[in-house]
Amino acid sequence: MALIMAGSLAVGGGVAVAQSSLPTAGSGGGSSAASAAPYLTDDAGRSLVLRGFNTASSAKSAPDGMPDFTEEDLTREHADMGTNFVRFLISWRSVEPAPGQYDQAYLDRVEDRVSWYAERGYKVMLDMHQDVYSGAITPEGNNGNGAGAIGNGAPAWATYMDGLPVAPQPRWELYYIQPGVMRAFDNFWNTTGKHPELVEHYAKAWRAVADRFADNDAVVAYDLMNEPFGGSLQGPAFEAGPLAAMYQRTTDAIREVDQDSWVCVAPQAIGVNQGVPSGLTKINDPRAGDQRIAYCPHLYPLPLDLGDGYSGLSRTLTDATITTWRASIEHVAGTVLGGVPIIIGEFGLDTTLPGARDYLDRVYDNAREMGAGVSYWSSDPGPWGPYLPDGTRTLLVDTLNKPYPRAVAGTPTEWSSAVDRLQLTMRPDPAVTAPTEIYLPQSGFPAGVKVEGADVVDWNRQSRLLTVRTPAGADTATVTVTPAA
């Protein structure tokens, strides 16, 4: 979820910096064939267009580390929106409850939930989540299981505050700048020089996770840390220093047991979530073959995170944020990290606020143009999610339930969709033998389909999946799908 503390001053200046120092993002219509974005790929080599949710915030404080989300909830989500992706929250406290001891029963529970997604054709990104470092930063959370705590993520045994205080705060984000929390982060990053072992434990905990899921076809990526925070060290000095070093050490540890899954790295949250340029440096993937590093930033424009709707001055400021944020994200993914795929790890808002549907469309349009996957925050019931606690749909359901190409036998260069139409331009890859897979909602395609530019392999009205093959030997192909007359 969004990290915005102390944001108004830092972000206000940061947007101007981003506007002056980064290239302007494209204004729409999708990327051209010459600049097609890289994508995560599946085992068949198809480019994946990922659309789904974070699942779920309720896992943060659950004693067993599992979200309050059932297989029936997933069935409803899949039927209502055709999602194919989940950023599934896991935690260091649950993986390594004692130093060097990895809880296989917890990993069994994670694996069980992953199987729900696998049975429905989803791809899973495991996210090692933290907020305010640990549930042990406040007295009510010092039992280490996170129950009732302000923070979440790290185990109690890895939380060293050196006796510094953590006073009650009116907003959860403000706990980040409490002396005890700052010191816990400083000790984790070892900027104090006292605890070099903590990052090593973290990397080995990820190794244990990767060892369990290396052969699981549904698990496509590992998101190494949610919304990193540098404690007393901020900005490029943190991102290019301790953060990049942790990412490199953890990537190396994962590659000892898993050569295939993608490794996702994120910038620091403060500022970058709101459009300030990131100082992250390149992470080298030691795997044999092409690099499998992805960039997983978050987007939380300050006006919306402070509770405004997407209208008036708030809309103007939010639009400026999105423009500078996109330029920064594409710069880091393309130039700094070496042309890697992008997944928007989090974005969201209260769907009852003015302009909410327009904002959702704006972000998903930008993601489509960037070739970015999206995991919306979150699937938890409430006005930010797709369903209210009583099961009533929010406007998010209809906004997301649109046609999209889920897996493309080549590289998408441009695509667009309406409820009853999808058009995809792609560069076919002759080495990919699996067909292109497209999701079509019931509302726009109640019966048959009409396909131009490709041959139909199958149209499954129950799963809502259309598979097609483009003509052999074509450099580019444009596929248009509409309802049959």
Protein backbone atom coordinates (compact mmCIF):
# COMPACT_ATOMS: atom_id res chain seq x y z
CA MET A 1 0.00 0.00 0.00
CA ALA A 2 1.09 3.59 -0.52
CA LEU A 3 3.94 5.12 1.40
CA ILE A 4 3.47 8.90 1.40
CA MET A 5 4.78 10.15 4.73
CA ALA A 6 6.49 13.50 4.68
CA GLY A 7 5.52 13.62 1.04
CA SER A 8 4.17 17.09 0.34
CA LEU A 9 7.46 18.95 0.41
CA ALA A 10 9.64 16.26 -1.14
CA VAL A 11 7.25 15.38 -3.91
CA GLY A 12 6.32 18.94 -4.78
CA GLY A 13 9.92 19.67 -5.67
CA GLY A 14 10.55 16.23 -7.15
CA VAL A 15 7.97 16.55 -9.91
CA ALA A 16 9.71 19.63 -11.26
CA VAL A 17 13.04 17.78 -11.22
CA ALA A 18 11.53 14.85 -13.08
CA GLN A 19 10.02 17.11 -15.71
CA SER A 20 13.30 18.80 -16.43
CA SER A 21 15.65 15.83 -16.31
CA LEU A 22 13.82 12.95 -17.99
CA PRO A 23 12.39 12.36 -21.46
CA THR A 24 8.68 12.97 -21.92
CA ALA A 25 6.53 9.83 -21.88
CA GLY A 26 4.51 8.92 -24.94
CA SER A 27 1.06 10.41 -25.12
CA GLY A 28 -0.94 7.38 -26.19
CA GLY A 29 -1.79 4.81 -28.80
CA GLY A 30 0.66 2.16 -27.67
CA SER A 31 4.36 1.83 -28.42
CA SER A 32 5.62 1.51 -31.96
CA ALA A 33 7.16 -1.63 -33.43
CA ALA A 34 10.60 -0.03 -33.26
CA SER A 35 10.30 0.56 -29.54
CA ALA A 36 8.21 -2.39 -28.41
CA ALA A 37 8.51 -2.97 -24.70
CA PRO A 38 9.98 -6.20 -23.33
CA TYR A 39 7.60 -8.56 -21.56
CA LEU A 40 7.83 -11.38 -19.10
CA THR A 41 7.45 -14.64 -21.00
CA ASP A 42 5.86 -17.97 -20.20
CA ASP A 43 7.37 -21.43 -20.72
CA ALA A 44 6.18 -21.39 -24.33
CA GLY A 45 8.02 -18.12 -24.99
CA ARG A 46 4.85 -16.03 -25.29
CA SER A 47 4.82 -12.41 -24.08
CA LEU A 48 2.61 -12.10 -21.00
CA VAL A 49 0.16 -9.24 -20.51
CA LEU A 50 -0.47 -9.45 -16.77
CA ARG A 51 -3.61 -8.09 -15.13
CA GLY A 52 -4.59 -8.86 -11.55
CA PHE A 53 -4.57 -7.94 -7.88
CA ASN A 54 -2.44 -7.86 -4.77
CA THR A 55 -3.74 -10.61 -2.49
CA ALA A 56 -4.04 -9.51 0.12
CA SER A 57 -3.51 -6.92 2.83
CA SER A 58 -5.18 -9.23 5.33
CA ALA A 59 -2.11 -11.51 5.23
CA LYS A 60 0.05 -8.86 6.90
CA SER A 61 -1.19 -9.44 10.44
CA ALA A 62 -2.58 -12.97 10.17
CA PRO A 63 -0.83 -15.34 12.61
CA ASP A 64 -0.55 -17.99 9.87
CA GLY A 65 0.54 -15.44 7.26
CA MET A 66 -2.38 -16.26 4.95
CA PRO A 67 -4.78 -13.71 3.45
CA ASP A 68 -8.48 -13.77 4.25
CA PHE A 69 -9.17 -14.90 0.69
CA THR A 70 -10.79 -18.17 -0.29
CA GLU A 71 -10.74 -20.28 -3.41
CA GLU A 72 -14.36 -19.23 -3.91
CA ASP A 73 -13.22 -15.60 -3.85
CA LEU A 74 -10.73 -16.39 -6.60
CA THR A 75 -13.39 -18.15 -8.64
CA ARG A 76 -15.58 -15.03 -8.44
CA GLU A 77 -12.69 -12.72 -9.36
CA HIS A 78 -11.74 -14.88 -12.33
CA ALA A 79 -15.32 -15.10 -13.60
CA ASP A 80 -16.07 -11.42 -13.15
CA MET A 81 -12.86 -9.88 -14.49
CA GLY A 82 -10.81 -12.49 -16.36
CA THR A 83 -7.68 -11.73 -14.37
CA ASN A 84 -4.55 -13.82 -15.01
CA PHE A 85 -2.07 -12.54 -12.42
CA VAL A 86 -1.61 -12.12 -8.68
CA ARG A 87 1.01 -10.41 -6.54
CA PHE A 88 0.71 -12.74 -3.58
CA LEU A 89 1.92 -11.34 -0.25
CA ILE A 90 4.37 -13.39 1.78
CA SER A 91 6.49 -12.27 4.74
CA TRP A 92 9.99 -12.74 6.09
CA ARG A 93 8.56 -13.29 9.59
CA SER A 94 6.64 -16.29 8.30
CA VAL A 95 9.41 -17.72 6.13
CA GLU A 96 12.12 -17.50 8.82
CA PRO A 97 10.46 -17.37 12.26
CA ALA A 98 13.81 -18.12 13.96
CA PRO A 99 17.31 -17.44 12.63
CA GLY A 100 18.18 -20.00 9.97
CA GLN A 101 14.94 -21.95 10.44
CA TYR A 102 12.56 -21.94 7.47
CA ASP A 103 8.94 -22.79 8.13
CA GLN A 104 8.04 -25.49 5.63
CA ALA A 105 4.47 -25.61 6.92
CA TYR A 106 4.08 -21.94 5.98
CA LEU A 107 5.52 -22.60 2.53
CA ASP A 108 3.06 -25.50 2.23
CA ARG A 109 0.22 -23.03 2.85
CA VAL A 110 1.59 -20.66 0.23
CA GLU A 111 1.97 -23.53 -2.22
CA ASP A 112 -1.62 -24.56 -1.60
CA ARG A 113 -2.86 -21.05 -2.50
CA VAL A 114 -0.60 -20.98 -5.55
CA SER A 115 -2.29 -24.17 -6.73
CA TRP A 116 -5.64 -22.34 -6.78
CA TYR A 117 -4.18 -19.87 -9.24
CA ALA A 118 -2.37 -22.53 -11.25
CA GLU A 119 -5.61 -24.44 -11.83
CA ARG A 120 -7.09 -21.31 -13.44
CA GLY A 121 -4.10 -20.45 -15.61
CA TYR A 122 -2.79 -17.55 -13.55
CA LYS A 123 0.79 -16.43 -13.13
CA VAL A 124 1.95 -15.66 -9.58
CA MET A 125 4.48 -13.14 -8.32
CA LEU A 126 5.49 -13.75 -4.72
CA ASP A 127 5.97 -10.45 -2.89
CA MET A 128 8.09 -10.29 0.28
CA HIS A 129 5.97 -7.62 1.90
CA GLN A 130 6.88 -5.12 4.58
CA ASP A 131 5.37 -1.93 5.96
CA VAL A 132 7.12 0.01 8.73
CA TYR A 133 9.64 -2.84 8.89
CA SER A 134 8.07 -5.23 11.42
CA GLY A 135 5.16 -6.02 13.71
CA ALA A 136 7.68 -5.86 16.56
CA ILE A 137 8.14 -2.09 16.40
CA THR A 138 5.27 -1.52 18.83
CA PRO A 139 4.55 -3.30 22.12
CA GLU A 140 1.34 -4.91 20.84
CA GLY A 141 3.29 -6.53 18.01
CA ASN A 142 6.34 -7.74 19.91
CA ASN A 143 5.17 -11.35 19.93
CA GLY A 144 6.58 -11.54 16.41
CA ASN A 145 3.47 -12.85 14.68
CA GLY A 146 2.28 -9.43 13.59
CA ALA A 147 -1.13 -9.71 15.23
CA GLY A 148 -2.47 -6.28 16.10
CA ALA A 149 0.76 -4.63 15.04
CA ILE A 150 1.31 -1.38 13.17
CA GLY A 151 4.13 -2.77 11.04
CA ASN A 152 4.65 -6.06 9.25
CA GLY A 153 7.35 -7.96 7.45
CA ALA A 154 10.50 -8.70 9.41
CA PRO A 155 10.57 -11.19 12.30
CA ALA A 156 10.92 -9.90 15.85
CA TRP A 157 14.37 -11.47 16.18
CA ALA A 158 15.60 -9.29 13.28
CA THR A 159 14.16 -6.06 14.72
CA TYR A 160 16.84 -4.02 16.49
CA MET A 161 15.65 -0.59 17.66
CA ASP A 162 18.45 -0.08 20.21
CA GLY A 163 16.03 1.22 22.82
CA LEU A 164 14.81 4.15 20.71
CA PRO A 165 11.12 5.07 21.03
CA VAL A 166 8.14 4.55 18.75
CA ALA A 167 5.33 6.93 19.74
CA PRO A 168 1.68 6.56 18.60
CA GLN A 169 0.95 8.32 15.30
CA PRO A 170 -2.28 9.52 13.62
CA ARG A 171 -1.33 7.95 10.24
CA TRP A 172 0.43 4.62 9.82
CA GLU A 173 2.96 6.10 7.38
CA LEU A 174 4.27 8.46 10.07
CA TYR A 175 5.62 5.51 12.03
CA TYR A 176 8.39 5.31 9.45
CA ILE A 177 10.08 8.42 10.86
CA GLN A 178 9.90 7.37 14.49
CA PRO A 179 13.41 6.95 15.96
CA GLY A 180 12.97 3.25 16.77
CA VAL A 181 11.73 2.42 13.29
CA MET A 182 14.47 4.43 11.62
CA ARG A 183 17.03 2.53 13.70
CA ALA A 184 15.46 -0.84 12.82
CA PHE A 185 15.91 -0.05 9.13
CA ASP A 186 19.42 1.30 9.68
CA ASN A 187 20.36 -1.92 11.42
CA PHE A 188 18.84 -4.01 8.62
CA TRP A 189 20.79 -2.14 5.94
CA ASN A 190 23.81 -2.20 8.28
CA THR A 191 24.40 1.53 7.96
CA THR A 192 25.03 1.29 11.72
CA GLY A 193 27.79 -1.27 11.15
CA LYS A 194 26.24 -3.49 13.85
CA HIS A 195 24.24 -6.10 11.94
CA PRO A 196 25.79 -7.29 8.67
CA GLU A 197 24.02 -10.62 9.20
CA LEU A 198 20.49 -9.31 8.61
CA VAL A 199 20.65 -8.80 4.84
CA GLU A 200 22.36 -12.17 4.56
CA HIS A 201 19.47 -13.77 6.46
CA TYR A 202 17.04 -11.99 4.14
CA ALA A 203 18.79 -13.28 1.02
CA LYS A 204 18.82 -16.82 2.40
CA ALA A 205 15.13 -16.59 3.28
CA TRP A 206 14.46 -15.75 -0.36
CA ARG A 207 16.66 -18.70 -1.34
CA ALA A 208 14.42 -20.96 0.74
CA VAL A 209 11.33 -19.58 -1.00
CA ALA A 210 12.90 -20.00 -4.45
CA ASP A 211 14.01 -23.52 -3.60
CA ARG A 212 10.38 -24.42 -2.90
CA PHE A 213 8.91 -22.75 -6.03
CA ALA A 214 11.68 -23.17 -8.62
CA ASP A 215 9.80 -25.96 -10.39
CA ASN A 216 6.33 -24.45 -9.97
CA ASP A 217 5.19 -23.30 -13.42
CA ALA A 218 2.63 -20.87 -11.98
CA VAL A 219 5.21 -18.86 -10.03
CA VAL A 220 6.73 -16.58 -12.63
CA ALA A 221 8.42 -13.91 -10.49
CA TYR A 222 9.76 -12.89 -7.09
CA ASP A 223 9.24 -9.29 -5.90
CA LEU A 224 12.22 -8.90 -3.58
CA MET A 225 10.94 -6.21 -1.19
CA ASN A 226 7.77 -4.16 -0.94
CA GLU A 227 8.31 -0.39 -0.85
CA PRO A 228 11.93 -0.27 0.36
CA PHE A 229 12.77 2.40 2.92
CA GLY A 230 16.32 3.40 3.76
CA GLY A 231 15.93 4.66 7.32
CA SER A 232 18.32 7.56 7.80
CA LEU A 233 19.76 7.03 4.29
CA GLN A 234 17.49 8.22 1.49
CA GLY A 235 17.51 8.93 -2.23
CA PRO A 236 20.20 7.81 -4.69
CA ALA A 237 22.68 7.12 -1.88
CA PHE A 238 20.28 4.49 -0.53
CA GLU A 239 19.05 3.09 -3.86
CA ALA A 240 22.49 2.81 -5.47
CA GLY A 241 24.06 1.68 -2.19
CA PRO A 242 22.45 -0.67 0.35
CA LEU A 243 19.31 -1.33 -1.69
CA ALA A 244 21.13 -2.35 -4.88
CA ALA A 245 23.59 -4.41 -2.82
CA MET A 246 20.71 -6.29 -1.16
CA TYR A 247 19.06 -6.88 -4.52
CA GLN A 248 22.29 -8.24 -5.96
CA ARG A 249 22.96 -10.51 -2.98
CA THR A 250 19.39 -11.81 -3.00
CA THR A 251 19.37 -12.36 -6.77
CA ASP A 252 22.59 -14.34 -6.46
CA ALA A 253 21.06 -16.44 -3.67
CA ILE A 254 17.90 -17.14 -5.69
CA ARG A 255 19.94 -18.21 -8.71
CA GLU A 256 21.63 -20.90 -6.63
CA VAL A 257 18.33 -22.81 -6.74
CA ASP A 258 16.16 -21.21 -9.44
CA GLN A 259 17.49 -20.24 -12.87
CA ASP A 260 14.21 -19.42 -14.55
CA SER A 261 11.88 -17.24 -12.45
CA TRP A 262 11.99 -13.49 -12.96
CA VAL A 263 13.48 -11.31 -10.21
CA CYS A 264 11.60 -8.06 -9.66
CA VAL A 265 13.28 -5.03 -8.11
CA ALA A 266 11.56 -1.86 -6.95
CA PRO A 267 12.84 1.64 -6.22
CA GLN A 268 12.50 3.29 -2.83
CA ALA A 269 8.88 4.20 -2.21
CA ILE A 270 9.11 7.75 -0.90
CA GLY A 271 9.13 10.17 -3.79
CA VAL A 272 9.48 7.61 -6.57
CA ASN A 273 5.87 6.48 -6.02
CA GLN A 274 4.94 10.10 -6.71
CA GLY A 275 7.11 10.75 -9.78
CA VAL A 276 10.55 11.63 -8.41
CA PRO A 277 13.40 10.02 -10.42
CA SER A 278 14.92 6.86 -8.94
CA GLY A 279 18.62 6.40 -8.25
CA LEU A 280 18.53 2.61 -8.54
CA THR A 281 21.47 1.05 -10.37
CA LYS A 282 21.75 -2.05 -12.55
CA ILE A 283 21.35 -5.49 -11.03
CA ASN A 284 23.25 -8.28 -12.78
CA ASP A 285 21.51 -11.61 -13.23
CA PRO A 286 24.02 -14.48 -12.93
CA ARG A 287 21.75 -16.97 -14.72
CA ALA A 288 22.91 -18.55 -17.96
CA GLY A 289 21.21 -16.89 -20.90
CA ASP A 290 19.23 -13.68 -21.08
CA GLN A 291 18.76 -11.59 -17.97
CA ARG A 292 15.47 -12.14 -16.13
CA ILE A 293 15.26 -8.96 -14.10
CA ALA A 294 12.04 -6.91 -14.08
CA TYR A 295 11.25 -3.47 -12.66
CA CYS A 296 8.28 -3.31 -10.28
CA PRO A 297 7.55 0.28 -9.20
CA HIS A 298 4.39 1.54 -7.48
CA LEU A 299 2.23 4.55 -8.38
CA TYR A 300 0.52 6.65 -5.71
CA PRO A 301 0.02 10.31 -6.74
CA LEU A 302 0.04 12.43 -3.60
CA PRO A 303 -3.35 14.16 -4.08
CA LEU A 304 -5.18 10.82 -4.30
CA ASP A 305 -3.25 9.27 -1.43
CA LEU A 306 -4.22 12.21 0.75
CA GLY A 307 -7.87 11.44 0.05
CA ASP A 308 -8.79 13.67 -2.88
CA GLY A 309 -10.72 12.46 -5.91
CA TYR A 310 -9.50 12.65 -9.49
CA SER A 311 -11.09 16.02 -10.31
CA GLY A 312 -10.26 19.70 -10.39
CA LEU A 313 -6.79 20.68 -9.18
CA SER A 314 -6.23 17.17 -7.85
CA ARG A 315 -6.71 15.79 -11.37
CA THR A 316 -4.28 18.33 -12.83
CA LEU A 317 -1.60 17.48 -10.25
CA THR A 318 -2.21 13.76 -10.61
CA ASP A 319 -1.87 13.94 -14.39
CA ALA A 320 1.45 15.78 -13.98
CA THR A 321 2.58 13.07 -11.55
CA ILE A 322 1.68 10.27 -13.96
CA THR A 323 3.61 11.95 -16.79
CA THR A 324 6.78 12.39 -14.74
CA TRP A 325 6.40 9.00 -13.06
CA ARG A 326 6.11 7.25 -16.42
CA ALA A 327 9.17 9.01 -17.82
CA SER A 328 11.17 8.00 -14.74
CA ILE A 329 9.97 4.39 -14.83
CA GLU A 330 10.73 3.96 -18.54
CA HIS A 331 14.15 5.55 -18.05
CA VAL A 332 15.13 3.16 -15.26
CA ALA A 333 13.69 0.07 -16.96
CA GLY A 334 15.11 0.94 -20.37
CA THR A 335 18.40 2.70 -19.71
CA VAL A 336 19.51 1.88 -16.18
CA LEU A 337 18.43 -1.75 -15.86
CA GLY A 338 19.05 -2.56 -19.50
CA GLY A 339 15.67 -2.85 -21.20
CA VAL A 340 13.68 -4.94 -18.71
CA PRO A 341 9.95 -5.64 -18.39
CA ILE A 342 7.82 -3.46 -16.11
CA ILE A 343 5.16 -4.57 -13.65
CA ILE A 344 3.24 -1.90 -11.76
CA GLY A 345 3.34 -3.66 -8.42
CA GLU A 346 0.73 -1.44 -6.81
CA PHE A 347 -1.67 1.36 -7.60
CA GLY A 348 -5.19 2.02 -6.41
CA LEU A 349 -7.67 4.45 -4.93
CA ASP A 350 -11.00 4.72 -3.17
CA THR A 351 -13.39 3.87 -6.00
CA THR A 352 -16.18 5.99 -4.45
CA LEU A 353 -14.23 9.23 -5.03
CA PRO A 354 -15.01 11.59 -7.92
CA GLY A 355 -13.28 10.66 -11.16
CA ALA A 356 -12.27 7.19 -9.97
CA ARG A 357 -13.21 5.46 -13.23
CA ASP A 358 -11.30 8.05 -15.26
CA TYR A 359 -8.22 7.54 -13.09
CA LEU A 360 -8.37 3.78 -13.45
CA ASP A 361 -8.68 4.09 -17.21
CA ARG A 362 -5.76 6.55 -17.28
CA VAL A 363 -3.43 4.21 -15.42
CA TYR A 364 -4.42 1.09 -17.34
CA ASP A 365 -4.02 3.00 -20.62
CA ASN A 366 -0.50 4.02 -19.58
CA ALA A 367 0.30 0.45 -18.59
CA ARG A 368 -0.90 -0.80 -21.99
CA GLU A 369 1.23 1.78 -23.79
CA MET A 370 4.26 0.92 -21.66
CA GLY A 371 3.79 -2.83 -22.05
CA ALA A 372 3.55 -3.06 -18.26
CA GLY A 373 1.83 -5.67 -16.14
CA VAL A 374 -0.45 -4.42 -13.36
CA SER A 375 -1.32 -5.74 -9.91
CA TYR A 376 -3.97 -3.46 -8.42
CA TRP A 377 -4.01 -2.73 -4.68
CA SER A 378 -5.88 -4.80 -3.64
CA SER A 379 -8.39 -7.67 -3.61
CA ASP A 380 -9.36 -6.90 0.01
CA PRO A 381 -13.07 -6.08 0.42
CA GLY A 382 -13.86 -2.38 0.68
CA PRO A 383 -14.09 0.75 -1.48
CA TRP A 384 -10.50 0.32 -2.72
CA GLY A 385 -11.22 -3.20 -3.95
CA PRO A 386 -13.52 -4.91 -6.46
CA TYR A 387 -16.13 -5.86 -3.86
CA LEU A 388 -17.55 -4.32 -0.71
CA PRO A 389 -17.69 -6.45 2.46
CA ASP A 390 -21.29 -7.45 1.64
CA GLY A 391 -20.22 -8.69 -1.80
CA THR A 392 -21.51 -5.70 -3.78
CA ARG A 393 -19.37 -4.93 -6.81
CA THR A 394 -17.52 -1.64 -6.99
CA LEU A 395 -16.95 0.12 -10.31
CA LEU A 396 -13.56 -1.61 -10.43
CA VAL A 397 -15.16 -4.83 -11.73
CA ASP A 398 -16.62 -3.31 -14.89
CA THR A 399 -13.52 -1.16 -15.41
CA LEU A 400 -11.24 -4.20 -15.44
CA ASN A 401 -13.55 -6.57 -17.30
CA LYS A 402 -12.31 -5.70 -20.80
CA PRO A 403 -10.71 -7.74 -23.60
CA TYR A 404 -6.94 -8.09 -23.46
CA PRO A 405 -4.26 -10.34 -24.98
CA ARG A 406 -3.08 -12.58 -22.12
CA ALA A 407 -0.23 -14.39 -23.89
CA VAL A 408 1.11 -13.30 -27.29
CA ALA A 409 3.09 -15.55 -29.66
CA GLY A 410 5.59 -12.80 -30.31
CA THR A 411 5.89 -9.21 -29.10
CA PRO A 412 2.90 -6.86 -28.84
CA THR A 413 3.69 -3.48 -30.37
CA GLU A 414 0.28 -1.89 -29.91
CA TRP A 415 -3.13 -2.94 -28.69
CA SER A 416 -6.42 -1.36 -27.73
CA SER A 417 -9.75 -2.61 -26.48
CA ALA A 418 -13.34 -1.73 -25.76
CA VAL A 419 -15.94 -3.98 -24.18
CA ASP A 420 -16.80 -5.51 -27.59
CA ARG A 421 -13.58 -5.07 -29.57
CA LEU A 422 -9.88 -5.87 -29.37
CA GLN A 423 -7.18 -4.93 -31.84
CA LEU A 424 -3.65 -6.24 -31.42
CA THR A 425 -0.61 -5.46 -33.54
CA MET A 426 2.32 -7.76 -32.89
CA ARG A 427 5.63 -9.03 -34.20
CA PRO A 428 5.14 -12.82 -34.48
CA ASP A 429 7.97 -15.02 -33.24
CA PRO A 430 8.34 -18.08 -35.47
CA ALA A 431 10.06 -19.95 -32.63
CA VAL A 432 6.88 -19.77 -30.52
CA THR A 433 4.53 -22.61 -31.46
CA ALA A 434 1.82 -21.94 -28.85
CA PRO A 435 -1.11 -19.78 -30.05
CA THR A 436 -1.89 -16.23 -28.95
CA GLU A 437 -4.44 -16.23 -26.11
CA ILE A 438 -7.04 -13.46 -25.71
CA TYR A 439 -9.59 -12.87 -22.94
CA LEU A 440 -13.05 -11.70 -24.06
CA PRO A 441 -15.73 -10.74 -21.50
CA GLN A 442 -19.26 -12.14 -21.62
CA SER A 443 -20.73 -8.64 -21.72
CA GLY A 444 -19.13 -7.85 -25.08
CA PHE A 445 -18.96 -11.32 -26.61
CA PRO A 446 -22.09 -13.23 -25.57
CA ALA A 447 -21.88 -15.78 -28.38
CA GLY A 448 -19.55 -16.14 -31.36
CA VAL A 449 -16.52 -14.10 -32.41
CA LYS A 450 -15.29 -12.61 -35.67
CA VAL A 451 -11.51 -12.61 -36.13
CA GLU A 452 -9.61 -10.73 -38.82
CA GLY A 453 -5.87 -11.13 -39.39
CA ALA A 454 -5.51 -14.56 -37.76
CA ASP A 455 -6.93 -18.08 -37.75
CA VAL A 456 -9.06 -19.21 -34.82
CA VAL A 457 -7.63 -22.17 -32.93
CA ASP A 458 -10.34 -22.29 -30.27
CA TRP A 459 -13.07 -20.14 -28.72
CA ASN A 460 -14.06 -21.36 -25.25
CA ARG A 461 -17.19 -19.52 -24.12
CA GLN A 462 -16.92 -20.95 -20.63
CA SER A 463 -13.35 -19.79 -19.92
CA ARG A 464 -13.83 -16.73 -22.19
CA LEU A 465 -10.50 -17.52 -23.88
CA LEU A 466 -9.92 -17.17 -27.60
CA THR A 467 -6.74 -18.65 -29.13
CA VAL A 468 -5.51 -17.65 -32.58
CA ARG A 469 -2.55 -18.11 -34.92
CA THR A 470 -1.21 -15.40 -37.17
CA PRO A 471 -0.04 -16.13 -40.73
CA ALA A 472 3.40 -17.76 -40.94
CA GLY A 473 6.27 -15.61 -42.16
CA ALA A 474 4.71 -12.22 -41.42
CA ASP A 475 6.95 -9.55 -39.92
CA THR A 476 3.96 -7.91 -38.28
CA ALA A 477 0.34 -8.93 -37.85
CA THR A 478 -2.77 -7.08 -36.77
CA VAL A 479 -5.53 -9.12 -35.20
CA THR A 480 -9.01 -7.63 -34.75
CA VAL A 481 -11.67 -9.40 -32.70
CA THR A 482 -15.33 -8.37 -32.63
CA PRO A 483 -18.58 -10.20 -31.82
CA ALA A 484 -20.00 -12.40 -34.56
CA ALA A 485 -23.02 -10.90 -36.30
